[in-house]
């Protein structure tokens, strides 16, 4: 992904979006290609909570650690004991607990 992002984006888009719907794949691919942002992390000073699942095939744990190390503000990394990329779907109660903690309620 890091070295060949132009090849990664279309392949990943086909996995994440509905592969039978060319328009959705294309839109997702374009969104991925337009994303930049690694350099912006060092400008973030607002306290952040990064939510990561225990096993995410789309975003490995190393990405969360990278973000945690690059963000200048206070960062809390929360690992939810669930699989997949969408903890709000696979572990909604745990996800809400993390959100409540992050929001201070």
PDB file of N, CA and C in Angstrom:
ATOM      1  N   UNK A   1       0.827  -1.187   0.000  1.00  0.00           N
ATOM      2  CA  UNK A   1       0.000   0.000   0.000  1.00  0.00           C
ATOM      3  C   UNK A   1       0.870   1.249   0.000  1.00  0.00           C
ATOM      4  N   UNK A   2       1.892   1.287   0.842  1.00  0.00           N
ATOM      5  CA  UNK A   2       2.693   2.484   0.971  1.00  0.00           C
ATOM      6  C   UNK A   2       3.510   2.767  -0.287  1.00  0.00           C
ATOM      7  N   UNK A   3       4.039   1.715  -0.918  1.00  0.00           N
ATOM      8  CA  UNK A   3       4.910   1.906  -2.072  1.00  0.00           C
ATOM      9  C   UNK A   3       4.161   1.964  -3.396  1.00  0.00           C
ATOM     10  N   UNK A   4       3.037   1.291  -3.502  1.00  0.00           N
ATOM     11  CA  UNK A   4       2.306   1.231  -4.774  1.00  0.00           C
ATOM     12  C   UNK A   4       0.840   1.590  -4.541  1.00  0.00           C
ATOM     13  N   UNK A   5       0.621   2.785  -4.034  1.00  0.00           N
ATOM     14  CA  UNK A   5      -0.730   3.202  -3.670  1.00  0.00           C
ATOM     15  C   UNK A   5      -1.660   3.248  -4.873  1.00  0.00           C
ATOM     16  N   UNK A   6      -1.145   3.628  -6.027  1.00  0.00           N
ATOM     17  CA  UNK A   6      -1.973   3.702  -7.234  1.00  0.00           C
ATOM     18  C   UNK A   6      -2.504   2.327  -7.632  1.00  0.00           C
ATOM     19  N   UNK A   7      -1.766   1.268  -7.311  1.00  0.00           N
ATOM     20  CA  UNK A   7      -2.241  -0.094  -7.573  1.00  0.00           C
ATOM     21  C   UNK A   7      -3.146  -0.584  -6.447  1.00  0.00           C
ATOM     22  N   UNK A   8      -2.842  -0.122  -5.232  1.00  0.00           N
ATOM     23  CA  UNK A   8      -3.600  -0.556  -4.059  1.00  0.00           C
ATOM     24  C   UNK A   8      -5.049  -0.060  -4.110  1.00  0.00           C
ATOM     25  N   UNK A   9      -5.230   1.219  -4.439  1.00  0.00           N
ATOM     26  CA  UNK A   9      -6.550   1.846  -4.352  1.00  0.00           C
ATOM     27  C   UNK A   9      -7.635   1.097  -5.128  1.00  0.00           C
ATOM     28  N   UNK A  10      -7.424   0.756  -6.413  1.00  0.00           N
ATOM     29  CA  UNK A  10      -8.505   0.053  -7.122  1.00  0.00           C
ATOM     30  C   UNK A  10      -8.775  -1.347  -6.573  1.00  0.00           C
ATOM     31  N   UNK A  11      -7.722  -2.045  -6.175  1.00  0.00           N
ATOM     32  CA  UNK A  11      -7.907  -3.401  -5.633  1.00  0.00           C
ATOM     33  C   UNK A  11      -8.660  -3.347  -4.312  1.00  0.00           C
ATOM     34  N   UNK A  12      -8.287  -2.403  -3.452  1.00  0.00           N
ATOM     35  CA  UNK A  12      -8.942  -2.278  -2.156  1.00  0.00           C
ATOM     36  C   UNK A  12     -10.389  -1.836  -2.319  1.00  0.00           C
ATOM     37  N   UNK A  13     -10.617  -0.914  -3.240  1.00  0.00           N
ATOM     38  CA  UNK A  13     -11.975  -0.432  -3.488  1.00  0.00           C
ATOM     39  C   UNK A  13     -12.890  -1.573  -3.909  1.00  0.00           C
ATOM     40  N   UNK A  14     -12.371  -2.495  -4.702  1.00  0.00           N
ATOM     41  CA  UNK A  14     -13.165  -3.651  -5.144  1.00  0.00           C
ATOM     42  C   UNK A  14     -13.514  -4.573  -3.992  1.00  0.00           C
ATOM     43  N   UNK A  15     -12.647  -4.612  -2.965  1.00  0.00           N
ATOM     44  CA  UNK A  15     -12.914  -5.453  -1.796  1.00  0.00           C
ATOM     45  C   UNK A  15     -13.926  -4.814  -0.851  1.00  0.00           C
ATOM     46  N   UNK A  16     -13.831  -3.511  -0.687  1.00  0.00           N
ATOM     47  CA  UNK A  16     -14.650  -2.811   0.304  1.00  0.00           C
ATOM     48  C   UNK A  16     -16.022  -2.432  -0.243  1.00  0.00           C
ATOM     49  N   UNK A  17     -16.046  -1.902  -1.463  1.00  0.00           N
ATOM     50  CA  UNK A  17     -17.322  -1.524  -2.081  1.00  0.00           C
ATOM     51  C   UNK A  17     -17.926  -2.755  -2.762  1.00  0.00           C
ATOM     52  N   UNK A  18     -19.145  -2.640  -3.178  1.00  0.00           N
ATOM     53  CA  UNK A  18     -19.823  -3.736  -3.874  1.00  0.00           C
ATOM     54  C   UNK A  18     -19.203  -3.899  -5.257  1.00  0.00           C
ATOM     55  N   UNK A  19     -18.416  -4.955  -5.446  1.00  0.00           N
ATOM     56  CA  UNK A  19     -17.684  -5.170  -6.696  1.00  0.00           C
ATOM     57  C   UNK A  19     -18.603  -5.249  -7.907  1.00  0.00           C
ATOM     58  N   UNK A  20     -19.858  -5.624  -7.712  1.00  0.00           N
ATOM     59  CA  UNK A  20     -20.788  -5.711  -8.837  1.00  0.00           C
ATOM     60  C   UNK A  20     -21.346  -4.336  -9.230  1.00  0.00           C
ATOM     61  N   UNK A  21     -21.077  -3.335  -8.413  1.00  0.00           N
ATOM     62  CA  UNK A  21     -21.557  -1.980  -8.688  1.00  0.00           C
ATOM     63  C   UNK A  21     -20.354  -1.110  -9.047  1.00  0.00           C
ATOM     64  N   UNK A  22     -20.086  -1.009 -10.347  1.00  0.00           N
ATOM     65  CA  UNK A  22     -18.903  -0.286 -10.822  1.00  0.00           C
ATOM     66  C   UNK A  22     -18.848   1.159 -10.334  1.00  0.00           C
ATOM     67  N   UNK A  23     -19.996   1.796 -10.264  1.00  0.00           N
ATOM     68  CA  UNK A  23     -20.023   3.197  -9.838  1.00  0.00           C
ATOM     69  C   UNK A  23     -19.561   3.353  -8.388  1.00  0.00           C
ATOM     70  N   UNK A  24     -20.021   2.461  -7.508  1.00  0.00           N
ATOM     71  CA  UNK A  24     -19.611   2.564  -6.104  1.00  0.00           C
ATOM     72  C   UNK A  24     -18.118   2.268  -5.953  1.00  0.00           C
ATOM     73  N   UNK A  25     -17.609   1.298  -6.720  1.00  0.00           N
ATOM     74  CA  UNK A  25     -16.185   0.982  -6.672  1.00  0.00           C
ATOM     75  C   UNK A  25     -15.374   2.186  -7.140  1.00  0.00           C
ATOM     76  N   UNK A  26     -15.806   2.788  -8.236  1.00  0.00           N
ATOM     77  CA  UNK A  26     -15.099   3.948  -8.794  1.00  0.00           C
ATOM     78  C   UNK A  26     -15.087   5.115  -7.814  1.00  0.00           C
ATOM     79  N   UNK A  27     -16.232   5.392  -7.183  1.00  0.00           N
ATOM     80  CA  UNK A  27     -16.315   6.489  -6.214  1.00  0.00           C
ATOM     81  C   UNK A  27     -15.390   6.228  -5.025  1.00  0.00           C
ATOM     82  N   UNK A  28     -15.401   5.004  -4.530  1.00  0.00           N
ATOM     83  CA  UNK A  28     -14.542   4.669  -3.389  1.00  0.00           C
ATOM     84  C   UNK A  28     -13.072   4.779  -3.786  1.00  0.00           C
ATOM     85  N   UNK A  29     -12.741   4.282  -4.975  1.00  0.00           N
ATOM     86  CA  UNK A  29     -11.366   4.358  -5.479  1.00  0.00           C
ATOM     87  C   UNK A  29     -10.911   5.813  -5.590  1.00  0.00           C
ATOM     88  N   UNK A  30     -11.752   6.669  -6.144  1.00  0.00           N
ATOM     89  CA  UNK A  30     -11.408   8.087  -6.269  1.00  0.00           C
ATOM     90  C   UNK A  30     -11.197   8.719  -4.901  1.00  0.00           C
ATOM     91  N   UNK A  31     -12.048   8.341  -3.954  1.00  0.00           N
ATOM     92  CA  UNK A  31     -11.886   8.854  -2.589  1.00  0.00           C
ATOM     93  C   UNK A  31     -10.561   8.430  -1.987  1.00  0.00           C
ATOM     94  N   UNK A  32     -10.197   7.172  -2.204  1.00  0.00           N
ATOM     95  CA  UNK A  32      -8.912   6.683  -1.692  1.00  0.00           C
ATOM     96  C   UNK A  32      -7.745   7.435  -2.330  1.00  0.00           C
ATOM     97  N   UNK A  33      -7.836   7.639  -3.627  1.00  0.00           N
ATOM     98  CA  UNK A  33      -6.745   8.323  -4.329  1.00  0.00           C
ATOM     99  C   UNK A  33      -6.633   9.785  -3.904  1.00  0.00           C
ATOM    100  N   UNK A  34      -7.741  10.392  -3.528  1.00  0.00           N
ATOM    101  CA  UNK A  34      -7.711  11.790  -3.106  1.00  0.00           C
ATOM    102  C   UNK A  34      -7.287  11.965  -1.652  1.00  0.00           C
ATOM    103  N   UNK A  35      -7.280  10.863  -0.929  1.00  0.00           N
ATOM    104  CA  UNK A  35      -6.864  10.956   0.466  1.00  0.00           C
ATOM    105  C   UNK A  35      -5.360  11.125   0.511  1.00  0.00           C
ATOM    106  N   UNK A  36      -4.946  12.003   1.276  1.00  0.00           N
ATOM    107  CA  UNK A  36      -3.538  12.153   1.591  1.00  0.00           C
ATOM    108  C   UNK A  36      -3.518  12.117   3.092  1.00  0.00           C
ATOM    109  N   UNK A  37      -2.817  13.008   3.662  1.00  0.00           N
ATOM    110  CA  UNK A  37      -3.037  13.215   5.070  1.00  0.00           C
ATOM    111  C   UNK A  37      -1.967  12.775   6.020  1.00  0.00           C
ATOM    112  N   UNK A  38      -1.006  11.949   5.579  1.00  0.00           N
ATOM    113  CA  UNK A  38       0.007  11.548   6.558  1.00  0.00           C
ATOM    114  C   UNK A  38       0.698  12.767   7.147  1.00  0.00           C
ATOM    115  N   UNK A  39       0.963  13.747   6.304  1.00  0.00           N
ATOM    116  CA  UNK A  39       1.681  14.926   6.776  1.00  0.00           C
ATOM    117  C   UNK A  39       0.819  15.817   7.667  1.00  0.00           C
ATOM    118  N   UNK A  40      -0.478  15.693   7.585  1.00  0.00           N
ATOM    119  CA  UNK A  40      -1.357  16.540   8.405  1.00  0.00           C
ATOM    120  C   UNK A  40      -1.410  16.059   9.858  1.00  0.00           C
ATOM    121  N   UNK A  41      -1.102  14.802  10.086  1.00  0.00           N
ATOM    122  CA  UNK A  41      -1.165  14.265  11.448  1.00  0.00           C
ATOM    123  C   UNK A  41      -0.293  15.065  12.407  1.00  0.00           C
ATOM    124  N   UNK A  42       0.859  15.508  11.947  1.00  0.00           N
ATOM    125  CA  UNK A  42       1.776  16.258  12.804  1.00  0.00           C
ATOM    126  C   UNK A  42       1.237  17.637  13.166  1.00  0.00           C
ATOM    127  N   UNK A  43       0.201  18.076  12.498  1.00  0.00           N
ATOM    128  CA  UNK A  43      -0.407  19.375  12.786  1.00  0.00           C
ATOM    129  C   UNK A  43      -1.589  19.255  13.744  1.00  0.00           C
ATOM    130  N   UNK A  44      -2.029  18.048  14.029  1.00  0.00           N
ATOM    131  CA  UNK A  44      -3.191  17.834  14.887  1.00  0.00           C
ATOM    132  C   UNK A  44      -2.777  17.994  16.351  1.00  0.00           C
ATOM    133  N   UNK A  45      -3.387  18.973  17.018  1.00  0.00           N
ATOM    134  CA  UNK A  45      -3.095  19.228  18.434  1.00  0.00           C
ATOM    135  C   UNK A  45      -4.297  18.955  19.323  1.00  0.00           C
ATOM    136  N   UNK A  46      -5.442  18.732  18.717  1.00  0.00           N
ATOM    137  CA  UNK A  46      -6.664  18.442  19.456  1.00  0.00           C
ATOM    138  C   UNK A  46      -6.582  17.033  20.030  1.00  0.00           C
ATOM    139  N   UNK A  47      -6.992  16.831  21.279  1.00  0.00           N
ATOM    140  CA  UNK A  47      -6.995  15.468  21.827  1.00  0.00           C
ATOM    141  C   UNK A  47      -7.831  14.537  20.951  1.00  0.00           C
ATOM    142  N   UNK A  48      -7.314  13.332  20.723  1.00  0.00           N
ATOM    143  CA  UNK A  48      -7.957  12.371  19.821  1.00  0.00           C
ATOM    144  C   UNK A  48      -8.062  11.001  20.468  1.00  0.00           C
ATOM    145  N   UNK A  49      -9.080  10.286  20.072  1.00  0.00           N
ATOM    146  CA  UNK A  49      -9.200   8.878  20.418  1.00  0.00           C
ATOM    147  C   UNK A  49      -9.212   8.093  19.115  1.00  0.00           C
ATOM    148  N   UNK A  50      -8.250   7.198  18.985  1.00  0.00           N
ATOM    149  CA  UNK A  50      -8.181   6.317  17.826  1.00  0.00           C
ATOM    150  C   UNK A  50      -8.829   5.008  18.240  1.00  0.00           C
ATOM    151  N   UNK A  51      -9.811   4.575  17.479  1.00  0.00           N
ATOM    152  CA  UNK A  51     -10.505   3.328  17.774  1.00  0.00           C
ATOM    153  C   UNK A  51     -10.078   2.294  16.745  1.00  0.00           C
ATOM    154  N   UNK A  52      -9.554   1.196  17.232  1.00  0.00           N
ATOM    155  CA  UNK A  52      -9.035   0.119  16.378  1.00  0.00           C
ATOM    156  C   UNK A  52      -9.642  -1.193  16.858  1.00  0.00           C
ATOM    157  N   UNK A  53      -9.956  -2.073  15.927  1.00  0.00           N
ATOM    158  CA  UNK A  53     -10.401  -3.405  16.337  1.00  0.00           C
ATOM    159  C   UNK A  53      -9.183  -4.297  16.535  1.00  0.00           C
ATOM    160  N   UNK A  54      -9.398  -5.404  17.209  1.00  0.00           N
ATOM    161  CA  UNK A  54      -8.283  -6.310  17.486  1.00  0.00           C
ATOM    162  C   UNK A  54      -7.692  -6.882  16.199  1.00  0.00           C
ATOM    163  N   UNK A  55      -8.546  -7.131  15.208  1.00  0.00           N
ATOM    164  CA  UNK A  55      -8.066  -7.638  13.921  1.00  0.00           C
ATOM    165  C   UNK A  55      -8.871  -6.969  12.816  1.00  0.00           C
ATOM    166  N   UNK A  56      -8.198  -6.086  12.093  1.00  0.00           N
ATOM    167  CA  UNK A  56      -8.827  -5.329  11.018  1.00  0.00           C
ATOM    168  C   UNK A  56      -8.022  -5.571   9.747  1.00  0.00           C
ATOM    169  N   UNK A  57      -8.601  -6.283   8.797  1.00  0.00           N
ATOM    170  CA  UNK A  57      -7.896  -6.588   7.549  1.00  0.00           C
ATOM    171  C   UNK A  57      -7.689  -5.346   6.704  1.00  0.00           C
ATOM    172  N   UNK A  58      -8.522  -4.324   6.886  1.00  0.00           N
ATOM    173  CA  UNK A  58      -8.412  -3.107   6.095  1.00  0.00           C
ATOM    174  C   UNK A  58      -7.347  -2.157   6.645  1.00  0.00           C
ATOM    175  N   UNK A  59      -7.266  -2.065   7.963  1.00  0.00           N
ATOM    176  CA  UNK A  59      -6.321  -1.144   8.596  1.00  0.00           C
ATOM    177  C   UNK A  59      -5.594  -1.897   9.710  1.00  0.00           C
ATOM    178  N   UNK A  60      -4.348  -2.289   9.460  1.00  0.00           N
ATOM    179  CA  UNK A  60      -3.610  -3.034  10.481  1.00  0.00           C
ATOM    180  C   UNK A  60      -3.274  -2.170  11.699  1.00  0.00           C
ATOM    181  N   UNK A  61      -2.969  -2.832  12.783  1.00  0.00           N
ATOM    182  CA  UNK A  61      -2.639  -2.178  14.051  1.00  0.00           C
ATOM    183  C   UNK A  61      -1.496  -1.170  13.877  1.00  0.00           C
ATOM    184  N   UNK A  62      -0.576  -1.461  12.968  1.00  0.00           N
ATOM    185  CA  UNK A  62       0.567  -0.569  12.746  1.00  0.00           C
ATOM    186  C   UNK A  62       0.116   0.827  12.302  1.00  0.00           C
ATOM    187  N   UNK A  63      -1.016   0.926  11.621  1.00  0.00           N
ATOM    188  CA  UNK A  63      -1.526   2.227  11.190  1.00  0.00           C
ATOM    189  C   UNK A  63      -1.976   3.036  12.400  1.00  0.00           C
ATOM    190  N   UNK A  64      -2.662   2.404  13.320  1.00  0.00           N
ATOM    191  CA  UNK A  64      -3.095   3.093  14.534  1.00  0.00           C
ATOM    192  C   UNK A  64      -1.886   3.568  15.333  1.00  0.00           C
ATOM    193  N   UNK A  65      -0.863   2.733  15.430  1.00  0.00           N
ATOM    194  CA  UNK A  65       0.356   3.126  16.150  1.00  0.00           C
ATOM    195  C   UNK A  65       1.063   4.278  15.442  1.00  0.00           C
ATOM    196  N   UNK A  66       1.099   4.224  14.121  1.00  0.00           N
ATOM    197  CA  UNK A  66       1.692   5.304  13.340  1.00  0.00           C
ATOM    198  C   UNK A  66       0.965   6.620  13.627  1.00  0.00           C
ATOM    199  N   UNK A  67      -0.364   6.581  13.573  1.00  0.00           N
ATOM    200  CA  UNK A  67      -1.154   7.779  13.844  1.00  0.00           C
ATOM    201  C   UNK A  67      -0.917   8.281  15.262  1.00  0.00           C
ATOM    202  N   UNK A  68      -0.903   7.367  16.212  1.00  0.00           N
ATOM    203  CA  UNK A  68      -0.688   7.722  17.609  1.00  0.00           C
ATOM    204  C   UNK A  68       0.651   8.436  17.790  1.00  0.00           C
ATOM    205  N   UNK A  69       1.673   7.976  17.094  1.00  0.00           N
ATOM    206  CA  UNK A  69       3.003   8.572  17.221  1.00  0.00           C
ATOM    207  C   UNK A  69       3.137   9.904  16.485  1.00  0.00           C
ATOM    208  N   UNK A  70       2.369  10.102  15.433  1.00  0.00           N
ATOM    209  CA  UNK A  70       2.493  11.317  14.622  1.00  0.00           C
ATOM    210  C   UNK A  70       1.644  12.487  15.127  1.00  0.00           C
ATOM    211  N   UNK A  71       0.490  12.191  15.699  1.00  0.00           N
ATOM    212  CA  UNK A  71      -0.394  13.250  16.183  1.00  0.00           C
ATOM    213  C   UNK A  71       0.268  13.954  17.359  1.00  0.00           C
ATOM    214  N   UNK A  72       0.300  15.270  17.312  1.00  0.00           N
ATOM    215  CA  UNK A  72       0.979  16.063  18.339  1.00  0.00           C
ATOM    216  C   UNK A  72       0.163  16.203  19.616  1.00  0.00           C
ATOM    217  N   UNK A  73      -1.147  16.208  19.499  1.00  0.00           N
ATOM    218  CA  UNK A  73      -1.989  16.341  20.679  1.00  0.00           C
ATOM    219  C   UNK A  73      -2.035  15.041  21.472  1.00  0.00           C
ATOM    220  N   UNK A  74      -2.763  15.075  22.584  1.00  0.00           N
ATOM    221  CA  UNK A  74      -2.937  13.875  23.407  1.00  0.00           C
ATOM    222  C   UNK A  74      -3.731  12.847  22.618  1.00  0.00           C
ATOM    223  N   UNK A  75      -3.221  11.626  22.573  1.00  0.00           N
ATOM    224  CA  UNK A  75      -3.873  10.561  21.808  1.00  0.00           C
ATOM    225  C   UNK A  75      -4.144   9.377  22.715  1.00  0.00           C
ATOM    226  N   UNK A  76      -5.353   8.892  22.661  1.00  0.00           N
ATOM    227  CA  UNK A  76      -5.719   7.660  23.349  1.00  0.00           C
ATOM    228  C   UNK A  76      -6.020   6.633  22.269  1.00  0.00           C
ATOM    229  N   UNK A  77      -5.395   5.476  22.373  1.00  0.00           N
ATOM    230  CA  UNK A  77      -5.649   4.385  21.434  1.00  0.00           C
ATOM    231  C   UNK A  77      -6.495   3.341  22.143  1.00  0.00           C
ATOM    232  N   UNK A  78      -7.678   3.112  21.622  1.00  0.00           N
ATOM    233  CA  UNK A  78      -8.607   2.130  22.187  1.00  0.00           C
ATOM    234  C   UNK A  78      -8.710   0.945  21.240  1.00  0.00           C
ATOM    235  N   UNK A  79      -8.392  -0.222  21.744  1.00  0.00           N
ATOM    236  CA  UNK A  79      -8.512  -1.449  20.960  1.00  0.00           C
ATOM    237  C   UNK A  79      -9.775  -2.167  21.419  1.00  0.00           C
ATOM    238  N   UNK A  80     -10.709  -2.362  20.502  1.00  0.00           N
ATOM    239  CA  UNK A  80     -11.952  -3.074  20.810  1.00  0.00           C
ATOM    240  C   UNK A  80     -11.773  -4.535  20.415  1.00  0.00           C
ATOM    241  N   UNK A  81     -12.121  -5.408  21.319  1.00  0.00           N
ATOM    242  CA  UNK A  81     -11.955  -6.850  21.107  1.00  0.00           C
ATOM    243  C   UNK A  81     -13.044  -7.373  20.170  1.00  0.00           C
ATOM    244  N   UNK A  82     -12.845  -7.109  18.894  1.00  0.00           N
ATOM    245  CA  UNK A  82     -13.744  -7.593  17.854  1.00  0.00           C
ATOM    246  C   UNK A  82     -12.958  -7.681  16.552  1.00  0.00           C
ATOM    247  N   UNK A  83     -13.543  -8.310  15.573  1.00  0.00           N
ATOM    248  CA  UNK A  83     -12.900  -8.461  14.271  1.00  0.00           C
ATOM    249  C   UNK A  83     -13.527  -7.506  13.270  1.00  0.00           C
ATOM    250  N   UNK A  84     -12.774  -7.156  12.248  1.00  0.00           N
ATOM    251  CA  UNK A  84     -13.309  -6.375  11.148  1.00  0.00           C
ATOM    252  C   UNK A  84     -13.014  -4.899  11.261  1.00  0.00           C
ATOM    253  N   UNK A  85     -13.488  -4.164  10.285  1.00  0.00           N
ATOM    254  CA  UNK A  85     -13.184  -2.742  10.148  1.00  0.00           C
ATOM    255  C   UNK A  85     -14.263  -1.842  10.748  1.00  0.00           C
ATOM    256  N   UNK A  86     -15.395  -2.412  11.103  1.00  0.00           N
ATOM    257  CA  UNK A  86     -16.516  -1.597  11.561  1.00  0.00           C
ATOM    258  C   UNK A  86     -16.984  -2.024  12.959  1.00  0.00           C
ATOM    259  N   UNK A  87     -16.302  -1.576  14.007  1.00  0.00           N
ATOM    260  CA  UNK A  87     -16.702  -1.986  15.359  1.00  0.00           C
ATOM    261  C   UNK A  87     -18.100  -1.514  15.739  1.00  0.00           C
ATOM    262  N   UNK A  88     -18.569  -0.455  15.091  1.00  0.00           N
ATOM    263  CA  UNK A  88     -19.928   0.008  15.363  1.00  0.00           C
ATOM    264  C   UNK A  88     -20.962  -1.032  14.931  1.00  0.00           C
ATOM    265  N   UNK A  89     -20.559  -1.952  14.048  1.00  0.00           N
ATOM    266  CA  UNK A  89     -21.458  -3.020  13.602  1.00  0.00           C
ATOM    267  C   UNK A  89     -21.180  -4.335  14.322  1.00  0.00           C
ATOM    268  N   UNK A  90     -19.892  -4.640  14.554  1.00  0.00           N
ATOM    269  CA  UNK A  90     -19.538  -5.940  15.133  1.00  0.00           C
ATOM    270  C   UNK A  90     -19.516  -5.949  16.652  1.00  0.00           C
ATOM    271  N   UNK A  91     -19.357  -4.791  17.270  1.00  0.00           N
ATOM    272  CA  UNK A  91     -19.348  -4.699  18.736  1.00  0.00           C
ATOM    273  C   UNK A  91     -19.926  -3.345  19.149  1.00  0.00           C
ATOM    274  N   UNK A  92     -21.198  -3.113  18.821  1.00  0.00           N
ATOM    275  CA  UNK A  92     -21.770  -1.779  19.038  1.00  0.00           C
ATOM    276  C   UNK A  92     -21.760  -1.314  20.496  1.00  0.00           C
ATOM    277  N   UNK A  93     -21.983  -2.201  21.443  1.00  0.00           N
ATOM    278  CA  UNK A  93     -22.001  -1.777  22.846  1.00  0.00           C
ATOM    279  C   UNK A  93     -20.605  -1.360  23.316  1.00  0.00           C
ATOM    280  N   UNK A  94     -19.606  -2.122  22.925  1.00  0.00           N
ATOM    281  CA  UNK A  94     -18.227  -1.763  23.274  1.00  0.00           C
ATOM    282  C   UNK A  94     -17.839  -0.452  22.592  1.00  0.00           C
ATOM    283  N   UNK A  95     -18.261  -0.298  21.353  1.00  0.00           N
ATOM    284  CA  UNK A  95     -17.966   0.918  20.601  1.00  0.00           C
ATOM    285  C   UNK A  95     -18.580   2.134  21.302  1.00  0.00           C
ATOM    286  N   UNK A  96     -19.827   2.022  21.726  1.00  0.00           N
ATOM    287  CA  UNK A  96     -20.491   3.117  22.419  1.00  0.00           C
ATOM    288  C   UNK A  96     -19.792   3.424  23.738  1.00  0.00           C
ATOM    289  N   UNK A  97     -19.306   2.407  24.452  1.00  0.00           N
ATOM    290  CA  UNK A  97     -18.564   2.633  25.690  1.00  0.00           C
ATOM    291  C   UNK A  97     -17.306   3.460  25.417  1.00  0.00           C
ATOM    292  N   UNK A  98     -16.605   3.140  24.356  1.00  0.00           N
ATOM    293  CA  UNK A  98     -15.405   3.895  23.998  1.00  0.00           C
ATOM    294  C   UNK A  98     -15.768   5.332  23.659  1.00  0.00           C
ATOM    295  N   UNK A  99     -16.831   5.516  22.889  1.00  0.00           N
ATOM    296  CA  UNK A  99     -17.265   6.865  22.533  1.00  0.00           C
ATOM    297  C   UNK A  99     -17.650   7.679  23.783  1.00  0.00           C
ATOM    298  N   UNK A 100     -18.378   7.051  24.676  1.00  0.00           N
ATOM    299  CA  UNK A 100     -18.765   7.740  25.907  1.00  0.00           C
ATOM    300  C   UNK A 100     -17.531   8.160  26.695  1.00  0.00           C
ATOM    301  N   UNK A 101     -16.547   7.281  26.777  1.00  0.00           N
ATOM    302  CA  UNK A 101     -15.310   7.613  27.470  1.00  0.00           C
ATOM    303  C   UNK A 101     -14.578   8.763  26.798  1.00  0.00           C
ATOM    304  N   UNK A 102     -14.547   8.748  25.486  1.00  0.00           N
ATOM    305  CA  UNK A 102     -13.850   9.793  24.736  1.00  0.00           C
ATOM    306  C   UNK A 102     -14.555  11.144  24.874  1.00  0.00           C
ATOM    307  N   UNK A 103     -15.874  11.097  24.969  1.00  0.00           N
ATOM    308  CA  UNK A 103     -16.647  12.332  25.076  1.00  0.00           C
ATOM    309  C   UNK A 103     -16.830  12.788  26.517  1.00  0.00           C
ATOM    310  N   UNK A 104     -16.364  11.959  27.445  1.00  0.00           N
ATOM    311  CA  UNK A 104     -16.436  12.342  28.850  1.00  0.00           C
ATOM    312  C   UNK A 104     -17.809  12.221  29.466  1.00  0.00           C
ATOM    313  N   UNK A 105     -18.628  11.319  28.926  1.00  0.00           N
ATOM    314  CA  UNK A 105     -19.972  11.174  29.509  1.00  0.00           C
ATOM    315  C   UNK A 105     -20.194   9.797  30.057  1.00  0.00           C
TER     316      UNK A 105
END
